[in-house]
Amino acid sequence: DEPLEEMREAFEHRLNTIYAKLIEVPGFSCVKPEGAFYLFPNAKEAAQSCGFKDVDEFVKALLEEEKVAIVPGSGFGSPDNVRLSYATSLELLEKAVERIKRFVEKHS
């Protein structure tokens, strides 16, 4: 049971850290999940403020320019959202959110 508790605590720490940083990104809003390994923020305002016609276009440009891979919510029936997994290292997650924020601030 101890290894499972350590994993749960690690995921909870990643979630809490990344959630706090992600909601600081201009144009992103998010409900904190309670039982998943990903965040599903609304990024419509960020995409519009950056001059993109939709979130899908925003995600594609983010990947090309900042090398951050997030999944557009259109594949899940929520075209205004993006899916960001936090099932990786905290260091990579923090870099990803920094790059997302830099991208939004640069294009707004």
Protein backbone atom coordinates (compact mmCIF):
# COMPACT_ATOMS: atom_id res chain seq x y z
CA ASP A 1 0.00 0.00 0.00
CA GLU A 2 2.88 2.39 0.69
CA PRO A 3 4.03 2.66 -2.98
CA LEU A 4 0.46 3.39 -4.05
CA GLU A 5 0.13 6.14 -1.46
CA GLU A 6 3.41 7.67 -2.63
CA MET A 7 2.13 7.68 -6.22
CA ARG A 8 -1.18 9.24 -5.17
CA GLU A 9 0.66 11.96 -3.25
CA ALA A 10 2.97 12.64 -6.21
CA PHE A 11 0.02 13.03 -8.59
CA GLU A 12 -1.83 15.22 -6.11
CA HIS A 13 1.25 17.45 -5.74
CA ARG A 14 1.59 17.73 -9.54
CA LEU A 15 -2.09 18.57 -9.88
CA ASN A 16 -2.01 21.24 -7.19
CA THR A 17 1.15 22.82 -8.55
CA ILE A 18 0.17 22.81 -12.22
CA TYR A 19 -3.43 23.86 -11.58
CA ALA A 20 -2.25 26.94 -9.68
CA LYS A 21 0.13 27.90 -12.49
CA LEU A 22 -2.32 27.16 -15.31
CA ILE A 23 -5.10 29.39 -13.99
CA GLU A 24 -2.58 32.25 -14.07
CA VAL A 25 -2.27 31.93 -17.87
CA PRO A 26 -4.27 34.77 -19.45
CA GLY A 27 -7.44 33.47 -21.09
CA PHE A 28 -7.39 30.04 -19.43
CA SER A 29 -10.07 28.98 -16.94
CA CYS A 30 -10.26 25.60 -15.31
CA VAL A 31 -12.18 23.51 -12.84
CA LYS A 32 -9.81 21.49 -10.67
CA PRO A 33 -10.37 17.78 -11.35
CA GLU A 34 -10.90 15.32 -8.52
CA GLY A 35 -10.22 12.00 -10.18
CA ALA A 36 -8.30 12.28 -13.42
CA PHE A 37 -4.72 12.57 -14.65
CA TYR A 38 -5.36 15.59 -16.80
CA LEU A 39 -6.66 19.13 -16.68
CA PHE A 40 -9.32 20.24 -19.15
CA PRO A 41 -9.18 24.05 -19.16
CA ASN A 42 -11.22 26.33 -21.35
CA ALA A 43 -8.77 28.12 -23.65
CA LYS A 44 -11.21 29.93 -25.95
CA GLU A 45 -10.42 33.39 -24.57
CA ALA A 46 -6.67 32.77 -24.87
CA ALA A 47 -7.04 31.56 -28.47
CA GLN A 48 -9.15 34.58 -29.41
CA SER A 49 -6.84 37.09 -27.71
CA CYS A 50 -3.93 35.57 -29.66
CA GLY A 51 -5.81 36.03 -32.95
CA PHE A 52 -6.64 32.40 -33.69
CA LYS A 53 -10.00 31.46 -35.16
CA ASP A 54 -10.42 28.55 -32.75
CA VAL A 55 -8.71 26.50 -30.05
CA ASP A 56 -7.60 23.86 -32.56
CA GLU A 57 -5.59 26.50 -34.44
CA PHE A 58 -4.17 27.77 -31.14
CA VAL A 59 -3.05 24.25 -30.13
CA LYS A 60 -1.36 23.67 -33.48
CA ALA A 61 0.55 26.98 -33.28
CA LEU A 62 1.56 26.28 -29.67
CA LEU A 63 3.03 22.93 -30.71
CA GLU A 64 4.90 24.42 -33.65
CA GLU A 65 6.26 27.45 -31.82
CA GLU A 66 6.77 26.32 -28.22
CA LYS A 67 6.92 22.52 -28.68
CA VAL A 68 4.14 21.98 -26.14
CA ALA A 69 1.71 19.19 -27.00
CA ILE A 70 -1.76 19.62 -25.60
CA VAL A 71 -4.81 17.96 -27.09
CA PRO A 72 -7.64 20.09 -28.48
CA GLY A 73 -10.94 19.49 -26.77
CA SER A 74 -12.75 19.25 -30.09
CA GLY A 75 -11.87 15.54 -30.12
CA PHE A 76 -13.84 15.19 -26.89
CA GLY A 77 -16.83 17.27 -27.99
CA SER A 78 -15.58 20.42 -26.20
CA PRO A 79 -14.02 22.66 -28.85
CA ASP A 80 -13.27 25.49 -26.38
CA ASN A 81 -11.13 23.28 -24.14
CA VAL A 82 -7.72 21.64 -24.19
CA ARG A 83 -6.53 18.50 -22.47
CA LEU A 84 -3.26 18.66 -20.54
CA SER A 85 -2.03 15.46 -18.91
CA TYR A 86 -0.12 15.74 -15.66
CA ALA A 87 1.10 12.12 -15.81
CA THR A 88 4.72 13.21 -16.29
CA SER A 89 7.40 14.86 -14.20
CA LEU A 90 6.65 18.06 -12.35
CA GLU A 91 9.69 19.66 -13.99
CA LEU A 92 8.32 19.03 -17.49
CA LEU A 93 4.87 20.21 -16.49
CA GLU A 94 6.21 23.46 -15.08
CA LYS A 95 8.20 24.09 -18.26
CA ALA A 96 5.13 23.37 -20.38
CA VAL A 97 2.94 25.83 -18.48
CA GLU A 98 5.70 28.46 -18.64
CA ARG A 99 5.84 28.01 -22.41
CA ILE A 100 2.05 28.20 -22.73
CA LYS A 101 2.03 31.44 -20.73
CA ARG A 102 4.90 32.88 -22.78
CA PHE A 103 3.07 31.97 -26.02
CA VAL A 104 -0.17 33.62 -24.90
CA GLU A 105 1.56 36.76 -23.66
CA LYS A 106 3.61 37.05 -26.85
CA HIS A 107 0.60 36.75 -29.16
CA SER A 108 -1.94 38.79 -27.16
